[in-house]
Amino acid sequence: MRISTNMIFEQGTTQLGTLNSNIAKTQMQLSTNRRVLTAADDPIAAARALEVTQSQSVNTQYGVNRQNARGSLSLEEQTLAGTTSLIQDVQTLVVNAGNGTLSDTDRKSLAIELQGRLDDLFGLANTADGVGGYLFSGFKSSTLPFTKTATGAQYNGDQGSRTLQISSARQVGISDSGSEIFENNVTGNGKFVTAASAANTGAGIVSSGSVVNAAAATGHNYQISFAVSGTPAVTTYSVLDQTTGLPPPTLPAPVPYVSGEQIAFDGVAFDIKGIPANGDTFSVAPSQKQSIFQTLTNLIGVLNSAGSGPVGQASLTNGLNKAHENLASSLDNVLSVRASVGARMKELDTLDSAGDDLNLQYAATLSDLVDLDQVAAISQFTQQQFALEAAQKSFKTLSGLSLFNFIS
């Protein structure tokens, strides 16, 4: 077999190139600590690693979303905490306003203070979300949530709650609509509301009452009318179901009035104290939703009205009692929303922990798929280095052979 000099050089060069390529690849693996540098190194591991990497990226993005959600919910919690404190301050003011030693001037001073608290409430309700919008506008984030009106406020947002995807199977609301927080307040005792007519000339004070028989409650509107007649004067009252136009079956005729004695019919019960005048009326109606802005506006009107004399004091007491009930309902509603916000923030903490564990699992899986066995790689590198050095020396010797070296 004849071997030409050209063949010797070509084979030697090819072999040295292969050895150099192998050792370079091993060196790259050592420098990157990765066994799989390209898909050709291990197609199955490379494909699986791509899937795991994508899942890890998505999990990381969920973590970013949770951080953003936490920031928004923290801002809402701070705003609701301020609203809670404001309502509690107003409740204290209502108690102070009921002090019988206060003059009309004193109560008007309290009304001025209350107007300031109302302005503060508008500031809280119109809190910015920190990203160019408003916190309580629902989906209409660029719209100012509340504008002041003569009777309270007008809500300009919608009922939407903005959400973020915080895990593969969970979205969380990062805001609540202003309507739900500030307008979703039930008047009266939550079932019905009692009220004295503004035209009353007597000193009757009505309680909020309660439902004593839910099965018998009709949800109708009622009017309680007082009549004073005879000598000596006898005060009686009659009840009219304004929905049916008939008196309740249990009170078919006028009933003698006794101050503080329970008045009960159709599953509801309450009492009226004081001295109602002839023709005075009181009403019982199903509870409705009322915004806290309207509650405060009405309360300001009550404090600005005259409260002197028995009639004025009765009107003041009825107004303050109604305001106290509605403020309690508003506070309960705000606290309910705060509890919901707290539950969502707690869920974010739980999902953060689960997300961290998942990231560790993804990292371990990727390590098993593509990371390098350092001991084995170093041993392989040393072996390849010896082989390359031996090939280089043998090629040098072989390429130096020539017949002319033996001709003298």
Protein backbone atom coordinates (compact mmCIF):
# COMPACT_ATOMS: atom_id res chain seq x y z
CA MET A 1 0.00 0.00 0.00
CA ARG A 2 1.47 3.30 -1.04
CA ILE A 3 0.89 6.29 1.24
CA SER A 4 1.63 9.63 -0.27
CA THR A 5 3.06 12.56 1.59
CA ASN A 6 -0.10 14.56 0.82
CA MET A 7 -2.27 11.88 2.43
CA ILE A 8 -0.09 11.91 5.54
CA PHE A 9 -0.52 15.67 5.91
CA GLU A 10 -4.28 15.61 5.25
CA GLN A 11 -4.94 12.82 7.74
CA GLY A 12 -2.71 14.42 10.34
CA THR A 13 -4.34 17.80 9.94
CA THR A 14 -7.83 16.32 10.15
CA GLN A 15 -6.98 14.35 13.27
CA LEU A 16 -5.41 17.34 14.99
CA GLY A 17 -8.46 19.43 14.09
CA THR A 18 -10.80 16.84 15.59
CA LEU A 19 -8.77 16.64 18.77
CA ASN A 20 -8.63 20.44 19.03
CA SER A 21 -12.39 20.64 18.51
CA ASN A 22 -13.07 18.04 21.22
CA ILE A 23 -10.82 19.73 23.76
CA ALA A 24 -12.27 23.14 22.92
CA LYS A 25 -15.80 21.79 23.50
CA THR A 26 -14.77 20.31 26.84
CA GLN A 27 -13.12 23.58 27.80
CA MET A 28 -16.33 25.45 26.93
CA GLN A 29 -18.35 23.03 29.04
CA LEU A 30 -16.02 23.61 31.97
CA SER A 31 -16.17 27.39 31.60
CA THR A 32 -19.99 27.45 31.43
CA ASN A 33 -20.60 24.49 33.76
CA ARG A 34 -23.05 23.16 31.18
CA ARG A 35 -23.03 19.72 29.67
CA VAL A 36 -25.50 20.58 26.91
CA LEU A 37 -24.17 23.48 24.85
CA THR A 38 -26.29 22.86 21.77
CA ALA A 39 -29.30 20.69 21.02
CA ALA A 40 -26.99 18.29 19.18
CA ASP A 41 -25.21 17.43 22.44
CA ASP A 42 -28.38 15.84 23.87
CA PRO A 43 -31.59 16.48 21.88
CA ILE A 44 -33.94 15.05 24.51
CA ALA A 45 -32.36 16.94 27.41
CA ALA A 46 -32.23 20.16 25.35
CA ALA A 47 -35.93 19.96 24.48
CA ARG A 48 -36.89 19.21 28.06
CA ALA A 49 -34.65 22.02 29.32
CA LEU A 50 -36.40 24.46 26.98
CA GLU A 51 -39.78 23.48 28.42
CA VAL A 52 -38.54 23.85 31.99
CA THR A 53 -36.91 27.20 31.21
CA GLN A 54 -40.15 28.52 29.74
CA SER A 55 -42.10 27.33 32.78
CA GLN A 56 -39.54 28.96 35.04
CA SER A 57 -39.86 32.27 33.15
CA VAL A 58 -43.65 32.18 33.48
CA ASN A 59 -43.35 31.43 37.20
CA THR A 60 -40.96 34.36 37.58
CA GLN A 61 -43.47 36.64 35.84
CA TYR A 62 -46.18 35.47 38.22
CA GLY A 63 -43.88 36.56 41.03
CA VAL A 64 -43.58 40.03 39.45
CA ASN A 65 -47.37 40.16 39.12
CA ARG A 66 -47.76 39.27 42.78
CA GLN A 67 -45.38 42.05 43.72
CA ASN A 68 -47.38 44.53 41.65
CA ALA A 69 -50.64 43.25 43.15
CA ARG A 70 -49.21 43.60 46.66
CA GLY A 71 -48.28 47.22 45.97
CA SER A 72 -51.78 48.06 44.76
CA LEU A 73 -53.50 46.22 47.62
CA SER A 74 -51.18 47.85 50.18
CA LEU A 75 -52.20 51.27 48.86
CA GLU A 76 -55.87 50.29 49.08
CA GLU A 77 -55.38 48.99 52.62
CA GLN A 78 -53.77 52.28 53.69
CA THR A 79 -56.62 54.26 52.13
CA LEU A 80 -59.26 52.10 53.78
CA ALA A 81 -57.46 52.42 57.12
CA GLY A 82 -57.68 56.20 56.74
CA THR A 83 -61.38 55.90 55.87
CA THR A 84 -61.97 53.74 58.94
CA SER A 85 -60.33 56.31 61.22
CA LEU A 86 -62.34 59.11 59.59
CA ILE A 87 -65.68 57.34 60.12
CA GLN A 88 -64.79 56.59 63.74
CA ASP A 89 -63.94 60.26 64.28
CA VAL A 90 -67.30 61.27 62.81
CA GLN A 91 -69.07 58.79 65.07
CA THR A 92 -67.42 60.46 68.06
CA LEU A 93 -68.53 63.82 66.72
CA VAL A 94 -72.13 62.55 66.45
CA VAL A 95 -72.06 61.50 70.10
CA ASN A 96 -70.73 64.94 71.09
CA ALA A 97 -73.42 66.65 69.01
CA GLY A 98 -76.11 64.90 71.06
CA ASN A 99 -75.01 66.70 74.21
CA GLY A 100 -78.04 68.63 75.40
CA THR A 101 -75.91 71.47 76.78
CA LEU A 102 -74.66 72.47 73.33
CA SER A 103 -76.16 75.53 71.72
CA ASP A 104 -77.12 75.89 68.08
CA THR A 105 -73.88 77.84 67.56
CA ASP A 106 -71.87 74.97 69.05
CA ARG A 107 -73.53 72.50 66.71
CA LYS A 108 -72.88 74.72 63.71
CA SER A 109 -69.21 74.70 64.69
CA LEU A 110 -69.35 70.91 64.69
CA ALA A 111 -71.00 71.09 61.25
CA ILE A 112 -68.02 73.14 59.98
CA GLU A 113 -65.66 70.49 61.37
CA LEU A 114 -67.75 67.79 59.76
CA GLN A 115 -67.54 69.59 56.41
CA GLY A 116 -63.76 69.32 56.69
CA ARG A 117 -64.07 65.59 57.37
CA LEU A 118 -66.31 65.28 54.31
CA ASP A 119 -63.63 66.96 52.18
CA ASP A 120 -61.06 64.57 53.64
CA LEU A 121 -63.29 61.66 52.66
CA PHE A 122 -63.43 62.91 49.07
CA GLY A 123 -59.63 62.98 49.08
CA LEU A 124 -59.48 59.37 50.23
CA ALA A 125 -62.13 58.20 47.78
CA ASN A 126 -60.28 59.90 44.91
CA THR A 127 -56.87 58.43 45.79
CA ALA A 128 -54.52 58.05 42.81
CA ASP A 129 -53.21 54.55 42.09
CA GLY A 130 -49.62 55.68 41.48
CA VAL A 131 -49.59 54.75 37.79
CA GLY A 132 -51.54 57.65 36.36
CA GLY A 133 -55.06 56.60 37.33
CA TYR A 134 -57.39 56.37 40.31
CA LEU A 135 -57.66 53.53 42.79
CA PHE A 136 -61.45 53.29 43.10
CA SER A 137 -62.72 53.96 39.55
CA GLY A 138 -63.10 50.30 38.59
CA PHE A 139 -62.12 49.69 34.95
CA LYS A 140 -62.42 53.44 34.23
CA SER A 141 -59.12 54.06 35.97
CA SER A 142 -58.49 57.44 34.33
CA THR A 143 -61.84 58.85 35.52
CA LEU A 144 -62.11 60.77 38.81
CA PRO A 145 -64.24 58.42 40.94
CA PHE A 146 -66.36 60.91 42.91
CA THR A 147 -67.53 64.45 42.32
CA LYS A 148 -69.38 66.49 44.93
CA THR A 149 -73.11 67.15 44.56
CA ALA A 150 -75.70 68.98 46.66
CA THR A 151 -76.92 65.71 48.19
CA GLY A 152 -73.56 63.97 48.57
CA ALA A 153 -71.52 62.67 45.65
CA GLN A 154 -71.80 61.30 42.15
CA TYR A 155 -69.87 58.13 41.34
CA ASN A 156 -68.28 58.34 37.89
CA GLY A 157 -66.53 54.96 37.74
CA ASP A 158 -67.95 51.52 37.08
CA GLN A 159 -68.38 48.33 39.09
CA GLY A 160 -65.28 46.61 37.72
CA SER A 161 -62.45 45.21 39.78
CA ARG A 162 -59.06 45.13 38.07
CA THR A 163 -57.28 41.79 38.34
CA LEU A 164 -53.83 40.30 37.84
CA GLN A 165 -52.86 36.71 37.06
CA ILE A 166 -50.80 35.66 40.07
CA SER A 167 -50.50 31.93 39.36
CA SER A 168 -51.39 29.50 36.62
CA ALA A 169 -54.87 28.99 38.06
CA ARG A 170 -55.54 32.16 40.09
CA GLN A 171 -56.39 35.79 39.38
CA VAL A 172 -56.66 38.28 42.21
CA GLY A 173 -58.51 41.57 42.35
CA ILE A 174 -56.05 44.43 42.89
CA SER A 175 -58.72 47.08 43.41
CA ASP A 176 -62.34 47.52 44.46
CA SER A 177 -64.87 49.87 42.95
CA GLY A 178 -65.67 53.05 44.83
CA SER A 179 -69.35 52.19 44.62
CA GLU A 180 -68.80 48.98 46.57
CA ILE A 181 -66.81 50.75 49.29
CA PHE A 182 -68.53 54.11 49.71
CA GLU A 183 -72.06 53.55 48.38
CA ASN A 184 -72.90 49.98 49.38
CA ASN A 185 -74.16 50.96 52.83
CA VAL A 186 -77.55 49.72 54.05
CA THR A 187 -79.69 52.26 55.89
CA GLY A 188 -81.47 51.70 59.20
CA ASN A 189 -80.96 48.39 60.95
CA GLY A 190 -80.22 46.59 57.71
CA LYS A 191 -83.78 45.32 57.21
CA PHE A 192 -85.92 48.41 57.58
CA VAL A 193 -85.49 52.07 58.42
CA THR A 194 -87.68 54.19 60.68
CA ALA A 195 -87.98 57.95 60.31
CA ALA A 196 -89.88 60.92 61.67
CA SER A 197 -91.56 63.27 59.22
CA ALA A 198 -89.83 66.62 58.79
CA ALA A 199 -93.23 68.29 59.23
CA ASN A 200 -93.76 66.90 62.75
CA THR A 201 -94.56 69.49 65.42
CA GLY A 202 -94.28 67.17 68.40
CA ALA A 203 -91.37 65.72 70.33
CA GLY A 204 -91.54 62.06 69.31
CA ILE A 205 -88.28 60.11 69.01
CA VAL A 206 -88.36 56.83 67.06
CA SER A 207 -85.95 53.92 67.60
CA SER A 208 -84.31 51.92 64.83
CA GLY A 209 -86.17 48.74 65.83
CA SER A 210 -85.55 45.18 64.72
CA VAL A 211 -87.14 42.26 62.91
CA VAL A 212 -88.79 39.97 65.48
CA ASN A 213 -90.39 37.53 63.04
CA ALA A 214 -88.67 37.23 59.67
CA ALA A 215 -91.43 34.99 58.30
CA ALA A 216 -94.06 37.66 58.94
CA ALA A 217 -92.01 40.58 57.59
CA THR A 218 -93.50 41.94 54.35
CA GLY A 219 -90.96 44.54 53.26
CA HIS A 220 -93.81 47.02 52.74
CA ASN A 221 -93.88 50.76 53.46
CA TYR A 222 -95.85 51.81 56.54
CA GLN A 223 -97.00 55.11 58.01
CA ILE A 224 -97.71 55.60 61.71
CA SER A 225 -100.06 58.52 62.30
CA PHE A 226 -100.76 60.13 65.69
CA ALA A 227 -103.96 61.75 66.84
CA VAL A 228 -104.59 63.72 70.04
CA SER A 229 -108.20 64.21 71.09
CA GLY A 230 -110.54 64.47 74.07
CA THR A 231 -110.32 66.02 77.52
CA PRO A 232 -108.09 65.09 79.10
CA ALA A 233 -106.11 64.63 75.88
CA VAL A 234 -105.57 61.04 74.77
CA THR A 235 -102.91 60.21 72.19
CA THR A 236 -103.48 57.30 69.85
CA TYR A 237 -101.74 56.01 66.79
CA SER A 238 -102.78 54.02 63.75
CA VAL A 239 -100.68 52.13 61.23
CA LEU A 240 -101.32 52.06 57.51
CA ASP A 241 -99.66 49.64 55.12
CA GLN A 242 -99.05 52.05 52.24
CA THR A 243 -98.33 49.17 49.87
CA THR A 244 -101.75 47.56 50.32
CA GLY A 245 -103.66 50.61 51.59
CA LEU A 246 -104.88 48.60 54.63
CA PRO A 247 -103.87 48.52 58.29
CA PRO A 248 -101.88 45.48 59.49
CA PRO A 249 -104.13 42.65 60.73
CA THR A 250 -102.72 42.91 64.25
CA LEU A 251 -103.42 46.67 64.49
CA PRO A 252 -106.81 47.18 62.82
CA ALA A 253 -107.84 50.20 64.95
CA PRO A 254 -106.15 53.17 66.63
CA VAL A 255 -104.01 52.09 69.56
CA PRO A 256 -103.46 54.15 72.73
CA TYR A 257 -99.95 55.57 72.78
CA VAL A 258 -97.59 54.94 75.69
CA SER A 259 -94.15 56.53 75.45
CA GLY A 260 -91.46 53.88 75.00
CA GLU A 261 -93.93 51.03 74.61
CA GLN A 262 -93.12 48.60 71.81
CA ILE A 263 -95.02 48.99 68.55
CA ALA A 264 -95.07 45.69 66.69
CA PHE A 265 -96.75 44.52 63.48
CA ASP A 266 -95.96 42.34 60.48
CA GLY A 267 -92.79 40.94 62.02
CA VAL A 268 -91.16 44.29 62.90
CA ALA A 269 -90.92 46.06 66.27
CA PHE A 270 -89.73 49.48 67.42
CA ASP A 271 -90.75 52.15 69.91
CA ILE A 272 -91.47 55.85 69.95
CA LYS A 273 -90.64 57.98 72.99
CA GLY A 274 -91.60 61.51 73.86
CA ILE A 275 -94.76 63.44 73.12
CA PRO A 276 -95.93 63.32 69.50
CA ALA A 277 -98.34 66.05 68.44
CA ASN A 278 -101.65 65.65 66.69
CA GLY A 279 -101.01 64.86 63.01
CA ASP A 280 -97.38 63.78 63.51
CA THR A 281 -96.32 60.85 61.33
CA PHE A 282 -93.51 58.33 61.32
CA SER A 283 -92.54 55.93 58.57
CA VAL A 284 -91.20 52.39 58.28
CA ALA A 285 -89.65 51.43 54.94
CA PRO A 286 -87.33 48.71 53.64
CA SER A 287 -83.63 49.51 54.02
CA GLN A 288 -81.95 51.02 50.99
CA LYS A 289 -78.36 51.63 49.90
CA GLN A 290 -76.95 55.04 50.78
CA SER A 291 -73.51 56.49 50.15
CA ILE A 292 -71.47 57.69 53.08
CA PHE A 293 -71.22 61.05 51.34
CA GLN A 294 -74.99 61.43 51.53
CA THR A 295 -74.92 60.34 55.17
CA LEU A 296 -72.39 63.04 56.05
CA THR A 297 -74.19 65.67 53.97
CA ASN A 298 -77.47 64.88 55.74
CA LEU A 299 -75.69 65.00 59.09
CA ILE A 300 -74.30 68.44 58.31
CA GLY A 301 -77.85 69.57 57.56
CA VAL A 302 -79.06 68.17 60.88
CA LEU A 303 -76.35 70.02 62.81
CA ASN A 304 -77.09 73.27 61.01
CA SER A 305 -80.80 73.04 61.94
CA ALA A 306 -82.13 74.55 65.13
CA GLY A 307 -82.05 72.11 68.03
CA SER A 308 -83.58 74.20 70.79
CA GLY A 309 -86.81 73.38 72.55
CA PRO A 310 -88.50 69.98 72.83
CA VAL A 311 -89.43 69.86 69.15
CA GLY A 312 -85.98 70.91 67.99
CA GLN A 313 -84.29 68.46 70.36
CA ALA A 314 -86.50 65.62 69.11
CA SER A 315 -85.71 66.46 65.50
CA LEU A 316 -82.00 66.65 66.35
CA THR A 317 -82.08 63.32 68.19
CA ASN A 318 -83.90 61.58 65.34
CA GLY A 319 -81.40 62.96 62.84
CA LEU A 320 -78.39 61.99 64.94
CA ASN A 321 -79.78 58.50 65.55
CA LYS A 322 -80.26 57.99 61.83
CA ALA A 323 -76.76 59.25 61.11
CA HIS A 324 -75.32 56.97 63.79
CA GLU A 325 -77.02 53.92 62.26
CA ASN A 326 -75.87 54.77 58.76
CA LEU A 327 -72.31 55.51 59.90
CA ALA A 328 -72.19 52.14 61.65
CA SER A 329 -73.32 50.48 58.42
CA SER A 330 -70.67 52.40 56.46
CA LEU A 331 -67.98 51.37 58.92
CA ASP A 332 -69.03 47.73 58.75
CA ASN A 333 -68.88 47.86 54.96
CA VAL A 334 -65.41 49.42 54.91
CA LEU A 335 -64.16 46.87 57.44
CA SER A 336 -65.61 44.08 55.29
CA VAL A 337 -63.69 45.34 52.25
CA ARG A 338 -60.54 45.69 54.36
CA ALA A 339 -60.92 42.08 55.45
CA SER A 340 -61.20 41.06 51.80
CA VAL A 341 -58.04 43.03 50.96
CA GLY A 342 -56.22 41.40 53.86
CA ALA A 343 -57.29 37.94 52.69
CA ARG A 344 -55.97 38.68 49.19
CA MET A 345 -52.64 39.91 50.58
CA LYS A 346 -52.38 36.76 52.69
CA GLU A 347 -53.00 34.70 49.57
CA LEU A 348 -50.17 36.55 47.81
CA ASP A 349 -47.81 35.59 50.65
CA THR A 350 -48.86 31.95 50.36
CA LEU A 351 -48.41 31.93 46.58
CA ASP A 352 -45.02 33.64 46.93
CA SER A 353 -43.85 30.78 49.11
CA ALA A 354 -45.21 28.22 46.65
CA GLY A 355 -43.62 30.11 43.74
CA ASP A 356 -40.21 30.11 45.45
CA ASP A 357 -40.47 26.37 46.01
CA LEU A 358 -41.42 25.89 42.37
CA ASN A 359 -38.44 27.93 41.22
CA LEU A 360 -36.13 25.72 43.29
CA GLN A 361 -37.72 22.66 41.71
CA TYR A 362 -37.24 24.08 38.20
CA ALA A 363 -33.61 24.95 38.98
CA ALA A 364 -32.93 21.43 40.24
CA THR A 365 -34.54 19.92 37.14
CA LEU A 366 -32.48 22.14 34.83
CA SER A 367 -29.34 21.23 36.73
CA ASP A 368 -30.02 17.54 36.24
CA LEU A 369 -30.66 18.08 32.53
CA VAL A 370 -27.85 20.37 31.40
CA ASP A 371 -25.33 20.95 34.19
CA LEU A 372 -21.86 19.45 33.97
CA ASP A 373 -20.26 16.76 36.11
CA GLN A 374 -17.10 18.70 36.94
CA VAL A 375 -15.02 15.69 38.04
CA ALA A 376 -15.79 13.70 34.92
CA ALA A 377 -15.26 16.72 32.68
CA ILE A 378 -11.87 17.56 34.18
CA SER A 379 -10.76 13.96 33.77
CA GLN A 380 -11.95 13.99 30.16
CA PHE A 381 -10.17 17.30 29.52
CA THR A 382 -6.90 15.91 30.89
CA GLN A 383 -7.23 12.79 28.74
CA GLN A 384 -7.96 14.89 25.63
CA GLN A 385 -5.00 17.11 26.42
CA PHE A 386 -2.65 14.11 26.58
CA ALA A 387 -4.09 12.74 23.34
CA LEU A 388 -3.62 16.08 21.56
CA GLU A 389 -0.06 16.45 22.77
CA ALA A 390 0.75 12.89 21.65
CA ALA A 391 -0.86 13.50 18.26
CA GLN A 392 1.05 16.72 17.80
CA LYS A 393 4.40 15.07 18.62
CA SER A 394 3.73 12.05 16.40
CA PHE A 395 2.62 14.28 13.52
CA LYS A 396 5.76 16.36 13.88
CA THR A 397 7.94 13.25 13.74
CA LEU A 398 6.01 11.72 10.87
CA SER A 399 6.00 14.89 8.83
CA GLY A 400 9.76 15.13 9.24
CA LEU A 401 10.43 11.77 7.55
CA SER A 402 12.02 12.07 4.09
CA LEU A 403 14.09 9.78 1.86
CA PHE A 404 16.49 12.61 1.27
CA ASN A 405 17.54 12.44 4.90
CA PHE A 406 19.15 9.03 4.12
CA ILE A 407 20.95 10.00 0.90
CA SER A 408 24.52 11.01 1.52
